[in-house]
Amino acid sequence: MVAGLAGAATIAAIPAALGGAADPSERGRPEDPVPGRLPVVFLPHGGGPWPFVDVGMRPAEHAELAGYLRSIRELPKAPPRALLVISAHWEEPVPTVMTAERPPMYYDYHGFPRESYTIQWPAPGAPELAARVRELLGAAGFPTAADPKRGFDHGTFVPLMLTYPDADVKTIQLSLKLGLDPSTHLAMGRALAPLRDEGVFIVGSGMTYHNMRGFRDPNARPIAETFDAWLRETMTLEAKARDERLIAWANAPAARLSHPREEHLLPLMVVAGAAGADRGTTAYNGSAWGIRLSAYHFG
């Protein structure tokens, strides 16, 4: 979310403590998960630096989304070795990973109070994980690149300041690929699925609705509800049917009205690819600015 929601933004109090391999789709059954395998998550990251700045969310909406994001920390049965985040806010010609030992902050929003540009989430990087991501993607036929200067954008630091407020887990981001082809991003996710057995928690950060003109518009609410219902149904399907529907997502009811440009939906494609045979569950189904949003867990 950018300046359209920022005009009346005022700084809010920040709480002290926010609080090859076989095809992965053929590994095991959804009802019989592999011991130690980490889940994968697609979450809505909200608008701008919303937990720390008043962007007009109703208190109940704010509390529900913040509570959900805090709860994600408890999802893995054991603490993850590292986090791999696919953020809607990074696109490159080829899949690109950040490689800094200490990634900087990247305040990729504008129009908010000055204090919004001093927020810190100093999680360590994971160059060794970046190398492993490139290895897996390369084995699947993807050219890749590394970026030693890239910092955490708000698709990463905003939700994870709630999930991991101590910034104590190694974290890297993986970019989307320009062109935003859904089948490409599903294939990227499939290639990365082995990381789930290596202690890596894969998180897709986007939004199930992202039409800037629709936020705050009551006429957009039934549009968001329609597309969200289609997504919720799609996530529960077996992998082949789910992925076929995701590839053709633009044909879904209200699809292009919900996503004029699909960058906020593409992290879900990567997550679904990494999910393999796991069926999705709707872990959060709330609203922001009156617009329906969902989060999905697999595994």
Protein backbone atom coordinates (compact mmCIF):
# COMPACT_ATOMS: atom_id res chain seq x y z
CA MET A 1 0.00 0.00 0.00
CA VAL A 2 1.39 3.40 -0.86
CA ALA A 3 0.47 7.03 -0.60
CA GLY A 4 -3.20 6.49 -1.35
CA LEU A 5 -3.60 5.27 2.20
CA ALA A 6 -1.03 7.59 3.67
CA GLY A 7 -2.59 11.02 3.35
CA ALA A 8 -4.06 11.01 6.83
CA ALA A 9 -1.49 8.71 8.38
CA THR A 10 -0.22 9.66 11.80
CA ILE A 11 2.41 7.87 13.78
CA ALA A 12 1.05 5.41 16.30
CA ALA A 13 2.70 4.16 19.43
CA ILE A 14 5.00 1.23 18.70
CA PRO A 15 4.68 -1.45 21.38
CA ALA A 16 7.92 -2.28 23.10
CA ALA A 17 7.58 -5.95 22.26
CA LEU A 18 5.65 -6.73 19.13
CA GLY A 19 4.92 -9.42 20.18
CA GLY A 20 17.50 -34.54 -8.85
CA ALA A 21 14.79 -35.22 -6.42
CA ALA A 22 11.35 -36.65 -6.99
CA ASP A 23 8.50 -34.28 -7.82
CA PRO A 24 7.52 -32.76 -4.45
CA SER A 25 3.84 -33.19 -5.36
CA GLU A 26 4.40 -36.95 -5.24
CA ARG A 27 6.02 -37.04 -1.81
CA GLY A 28 3.67 -38.57 0.71
CA ARG A 29 0.02 -37.73 1.22
CA PRO A 30 -1.41 -34.52 2.65
CA GLU A 31 -2.80 -36.47 5.59
CA ASP A 32 0.57 -38.14 6.24
CA PRO A 33 3.15 -35.34 6.52
CA VAL A 34 6.85 -36.15 6.69
CA PRO A 35 8.15 -35.82 10.29
CA GLY A 36 10.18 -32.65 10.68
CA ARG A 37 8.97 -31.12 7.44
CA LEU A 38 8.18 -27.45 7.89
CA PRO A 39 4.91 -25.92 6.71
CA VAL A 40 4.68 -23.20 4.10
CA VAL A 41 2.64 -20.03 4.54
CA PHE A 42 1.10 -17.30 2.42
CA LEU A 43 0.25 -14.21 4.46
CA PRO A 44 -1.22 -10.75 3.80
CA HIS A 45 1.30 -8.10 4.81
CA GLY A 46 -1.19 -5.23 5.01
CA GLY A 47 -0.53 -1.66 3.90
CA GLY A 48 2.73 0.23 4.29
CA PRO A 49 4.07 0.22 7.86
CA TRP A 50 0.55 -0.36 9.18
CA PRO A 51 1.26 -1.83 12.61
CA PHE A 52 3.23 1.28 13.53
CA VAL A 53 1.30 3.99 11.69
CA ASP A 54 -2.41 4.75 11.66
CA VAL A 55 -3.49 4.03 8.06
CA GLY A 56 -7.20 4.00 8.79
CA MET A 57 -7.74 0.35 9.65
CA ARG A 58 -10.54 -0.24 12.08
CA PRO A 59 -9.26 -1.34 15.52
CA ALA A 60 -10.85 -4.78 15.20
CA GLU A 61 -9.27 -5.31 11.77
CA HIS A 62 -5.89 -4.17 13.05
CA ALA A 63 -6.04 -6.45 16.09
CA GLU A 64 -7.17 -9.50 14.11
CA LEU A 65 -4.47 -9.26 11.44
CA ALA A 66 -1.74 -8.44 13.95
CA GLY A 67 -2.84 -11.35 16.12
CA TYR A 68 -2.71 -13.73 13.18
CA LEU A 69 0.79 -12.59 12.19
CA ARG A 70 2.03 -13.05 15.76
CA SER A 71 0.60 -16.58 15.80
CA ILE A 72 2.64 -17.77 12.82
CA ARG A 73 5.70 -18.15 15.05
CA GLU A 74 4.02 -21.14 16.71
CA LEU A 75 3.26 -22.93 13.44
CA PRO A 76 6.57 -24.79 12.92
CA LYS A 77 6.89 -27.60 15.45
CA ALA A 78 10.53 -26.68 15.95
CA PRO A 79 12.21 -23.30 15.48
CA PRO A 80 13.27 -22.90 11.85
CA ARG A 81 16.91 -22.73 10.87
CA ALA A 82 16.14 -19.82 8.56
CA LEU A 83 13.34 -17.99 6.77
CA LEU A 84 12.96 -17.70 3.01
CA VAL A 85 10.53 -14.91 2.14
CA ILE A 86 9.05 -14.34 -1.30
CA SER A 87 7.81 -10.76 -1.20
CA ALA A 88 5.43 -9.15 -3.68
CA HIS A 89 7.67 -6.08 -3.58
CA TRP A 90 10.70 -7.45 -5.41
CA GLU A 91 10.81 -8.35 -9.11
CA GLU A 92 13.90 -9.15 -11.19
CA PRO A 93 14.61 -10.51 -14.69
CA VAL A 94 15.67 -13.81 -13.09
CA PRO A 95 14.97 -15.16 -9.58
CA THR A 96 17.37 -13.26 -7.34
CA VAL A 97 18.38 -13.80 -3.73
CA MET A 98 19.76 -11.37 -1.17
CA THR A 99 23.20 -12.40 0.09
CA ALA A 100 24.15 -9.77 2.70
CA GLU A 101 25.33 -11.03 6.07
CA ARG A 102 23.42 -8.11 7.63
CA PRO A 103 20.69 -7.01 5.24
CA PRO A 104 19.78 -3.32 5.48
CA MET A 105 16.27 -1.92 5.61
CA TYR A 106 14.52 -0.92 2.40
CA TYR A 107 11.63 1.47 3.03
CA ASP A 108 9.73 0.90 -0.20
CA TYR A 109 6.71 3.02 0.71
CA HIS A 110 6.16 6.74 0.61
CA GLY A 111 4.00 9.46 2.08
CA PHE A 112 4.18 8.26 5.70
CA PRO A 113 5.50 10.12 8.76
CA ARG A 114 9.27 10.45 9.12
CA GLU A 115 9.36 7.93 11.94
CA SER A 116 8.19 5.27 9.48
CA TYR A 117 11.65 5.42 7.89
CA THR A 118 13.54 4.67 11.09
CA ILE A 119 11.91 1.29 11.81
CA GLN A 120 14.49 -1.45 12.27
CA TRP A 121 14.24 -5.24 11.99
CA PRO A 122 17.89 -6.33 12.16
CA ALA A 123 17.56 -10.02 11.34
CA PRO A 124 20.79 -11.64 10.15
CA GLY A 125 21.10 -12.75 6.57
CA ALA A 126 21.86 -16.29 5.41
CA PRO A 127 24.33 -16.38 2.51
CA GLU A 128 24.53 -20.15 2.80
CA LEU A 129 20.77 -20.43 2.30
CA ALA A 130 21.00 -18.04 -0.64
CA ALA A 131 23.53 -20.39 -2.24
CA ARG A 132 21.27 -23.38 -1.61
CA VAL A 133 18.27 -21.58 -3.15
CA ARG A 134 20.32 -20.84 -6.26
CA GLU A 135 21.48 -24.47 -6.39
CA LEU A 136 17.92 -25.81 -6.26
CA LEU A 137 16.59 -23.33 -8.79
CA GLY A 138 19.54 -23.94 -11.09
CA ALA A 139 18.95 -27.69 -10.98
CA ALA A 140 15.38 -26.99 -12.11
CA GLY A 141 16.63 -24.98 -15.09
CA PHE A 142 16.28 -21.45 -13.71
CA PRO A 143 19.03 -18.90 -14.27
CA THR A 144 19.48 -16.98 -11.00
CA ALA A 145 21.30 -13.98 -9.60
CA ALA A 146 22.49 -12.65 -6.25
CA ASP A 147 22.10 -9.17 -4.79
CA PRO A 148 24.51 -8.34 -1.94
CA LYS A 149 22.95 -4.90 -1.33
CA ARG A 150 19.24 -5.67 -1.26
CA GLY A 151 17.50 -4.91 2.02
CA PHE A 152 14.33 -6.16 3.68
CA ASP A 153 11.32 -4.50 2.02
CA HIS A 154 8.07 -3.91 3.84
CA GLY A 155 6.61 -7.15 2.52
CA THR A 156 9.15 -8.82 4.80
CA PHE A 157 9.95 -6.56 7.72
CA VAL A 158 6.41 -5.38 8.46
CA PRO A 159 4.79 -8.80 9.05
CA LEU A 160 7.91 -10.40 10.49
CA MET A 161 8.35 -7.67 13.09
CA LEU A 162 5.15 -9.13 14.50
CA THR A 163 6.00 -12.80 13.93
CA TYR A 164 9.66 -12.63 15.01
CA PRO A 165 9.95 -9.38 16.99
CA ASP A 166 13.43 -10.28 18.26
CA ALA A 167 14.76 -10.57 14.68
CA ASP A 168 16.61 -13.66 15.83
CA VAL A 169 16.14 -15.96 12.80
CA LYS A 170 18.34 -15.81 9.72
CA THR A 171 16.25 -14.43 6.85
CA ILE A 172 16.64 -13.88 3.12
CA GLN A 173 14.32 -12.79 0.36
CA LEU A 174 13.81 -14.32 -3.06
CA SER A 175 12.49 -12.11 -5.84
CA LEU A 176 9.65 -12.74 -8.20
CA LYS A 177 10.53 -13.13 -11.87
CA LEU A 178 9.54 -10.36 -14.23
CA GLY A 179 6.73 -11.39 -16.53
CA LEU A 180 4.81 -12.68 -13.49
CA ASP A 181 3.93 -15.97 -15.16
CA PRO A 182 2.02 -18.16 -12.67
CA SER A 183 3.34 -21.48 -13.99
CA THR A 184 6.92 -20.18 -13.66
CA HIS A 185 6.36 -19.30 -10.02
CA LEU A 186 4.70 -22.62 -9.27
CA ALA A 187 7.77 -24.31 -10.76
CA MET A 188 10.05 -22.16 -8.63
CA GLY A 189 8.16 -23.32 -5.56
CA ARG A 190 8.42 -26.97 -6.55
CA ALA A 191 12.16 -26.60 -6.97
CA LEU A 192 12.44 -25.10 -3.48
CA ALA A 193 10.34 -27.76 -1.74
CA PRO A 194 13.38 -29.69 -0.41
CA LEU A 195 14.14 -26.73 1.85
CA ARG A 196 11.13 -27.71 3.95
CA ASP A 197 13.08 -30.79 5.07
CA GLU A 198 16.18 -28.70 5.75
CA GLY A 199 14.75 -26.48 8.48
CA VAL A 200 13.77 -23.57 6.23
CA PHE A 201 10.41 -21.89 6.77
CA ILE A 202 9.11 -20.65 3.40
CA VAL A 203 6.83 -17.61 3.60
CA GLY A 204 5.01 -15.92 0.73
CA SER A 205 4.10 -12.31 1.51
CA GLY A 206 1.46 -10.62 -0.62
CA MET A 207 -2.27 -9.92 -0.57
CA THR A 208 -5.28 -11.85 -1.79
CA TYR A 209 -6.75 -8.52 -2.94
CA HIS A 210 -4.64 -5.67 -4.28
CA ASN A 211 -6.53 -3.08 -6.26
CA MET A 212 -5.55 0.27 -4.82
CA ARG A 213 -8.71 1.93 -6.10
CA GLY A 214 -10.86 -0.58 -4.24
CA PHE A 215 -9.62 -0.04 -0.71
CA ARG A 216 -12.13 2.07 1.23
CA ASP A 217 -14.67 1.68 -1.60
CA PRO A 218 -17.81 -0.19 -0.43
CA ASN A 219 -18.49 -1.20 -4.04
CA ALA A 220 -15.26 -3.22 -4.05
CA ARG A 221 -16.26 -5.39 -1.12
CA PRO A 222 -18.38 -7.92 -3.07
CA ILE A 223 -15.60 -8.10 -5.68
CA ALA A 224 -13.05 -9.01 -3.03
CA GLU A 225 -15.45 -11.47 -1.41
CA THR A 226 -16.04 -13.21 -4.74
CA PHE A 227 -12.37 -13.67 -5.60
CA ASP A 228 -11.49 -14.59 -2.03
CA ALA A 229 -14.13 -17.33 -2.02
CA TRP A 230 -12.64 -18.74 -5.24
CA LEU A 231 -9.15 -18.72 -3.72
CA ARG A 232 -10.30 -20.40 -0.51
CA GLU A 233 -11.93 -23.18 -2.51
CA THR A 234 -8.87 -23.51 -4.75
CA MET A 235 -6.44 -23.89 -1.86
CA THR A 236 -8.31 -26.94 -0.51
CA LEU A 237 -8.05 -28.90 -3.75
CA GLU A 238 -5.55 -31.66 -4.43
CA ALA A 239 -2.30 -30.37 -5.90
CA LYS A 240 -2.93 -30.98 -9.61
CA ALA A 241 -6.35 -29.31 -9.62
CA ARG A 242 -5.15 -26.49 -7.38
CA ASP A 243 -2.18 -25.70 -9.59
CA GLU A 244 -4.25 -25.84 -12.77
CA ARG A 245 -6.64 -23.29 -11.32
CA LEU A 246 -3.80 -21.06 -10.15
CA ILE A 247 -2.22 -21.09 -13.59
CA ALA A 248 -5.54 -19.87 -15.01
CA TRP A 249 -6.27 -17.55 -12.07
CA ALA A 250 -7.09 -14.60 -14.35
CA ASN A 251 -10.20 -16.46 -15.51
CA ALA A 252 -11.57 -16.68 -11.97
CA PRO A 253 -14.57 -14.57 -10.94
CA ALA A 254 -13.55 -10.96 -10.22
CA ALA A 255 -9.88 -11.87 -10.71
CA ARG A 256 -8.65 -8.82 -12.62
CA LEU A 257 -10.85 -6.51 -10.60
CA SER A 258 -9.08 -7.83 -7.51
CA HIS A 259 -5.61 -7.85 -9.05
CA PRO A 260 -5.14 -5.42 -11.96
CA ARG A 261 -1.49 -6.45 -11.70
CA GLU A 262 -0.74 -9.81 -10.11
CA GLU A 263 2.51 -9.22 -8.23
CA HIS A 264 0.75 -9.51 -4.85
CA LEU A 265 -0.72 -12.88 -5.82
CA LEU A 266 2.48 -14.44 -7.21
CA PRO A 267 4.04 -15.28 -3.80
CA LEU A 268 1.05 -17.59 -3.32
CA MET A 269 2.07 -19.45 -6.49
CA VAL A 270 5.57 -20.06 -5.11
CA VAL A 271 4.12 -21.24 -1.80
CA ALA A 272 1.64 -23.57 -3.56
CA GLY A 273 4.47 -25.06 -5.60
CA ALA A 274 6.52 -25.68 -2.46
CA ALA A 275 3.46 -27.20 -0.77
CA GLY A 276 3.58 -30.22 -3.07
CA ALA A 277 0.77 -32.58 -2.18
CA ASP A 278 -0.23 -30.70 0.96
CA ARG A 279 -3.70 -29.22 0.78
CA GLY A 280 -4.15 -25.71 2.01
CA THR A 281 -6.14 -24.47 4.94
CA THR A 282 -7.47 -20.95 5.45
CA ALA A 283 -5.60 -19.77 8.53
CA TYR A 284 -6.93 -16.20 8.51
CA ASN A 285 -9.99 -14.75 6.82
CA GLY A 286 -10.44 -11.18 7.92
CA SER A 287 -10.55 -7.73 6.41
CA ALA A 288 -8.56 -4.53 6.04
CA TRP A 289 -10.31 -1.27 5.15
CA GLY A 290 -13.43 -3.40 4.72
CA ILE A 291 -11.81 -5.61 2.05
CA ARG A 292 -11.69 -9.38 2.51
CA LEU A 293 -8.19 -10.89 2.90
CA SER A 294 -7.02 -14.44 3.54
CA ALA A 295 -3.91 -16.35 4.58
CA TYR A 296 -3.15 -19.98 3.74
CA HIS A 297 -1.07 -22.65 5.43
CA PHE A 298 0.15 -25.92 3.92
CA GLY A 299 1.59 -28.85 5.83
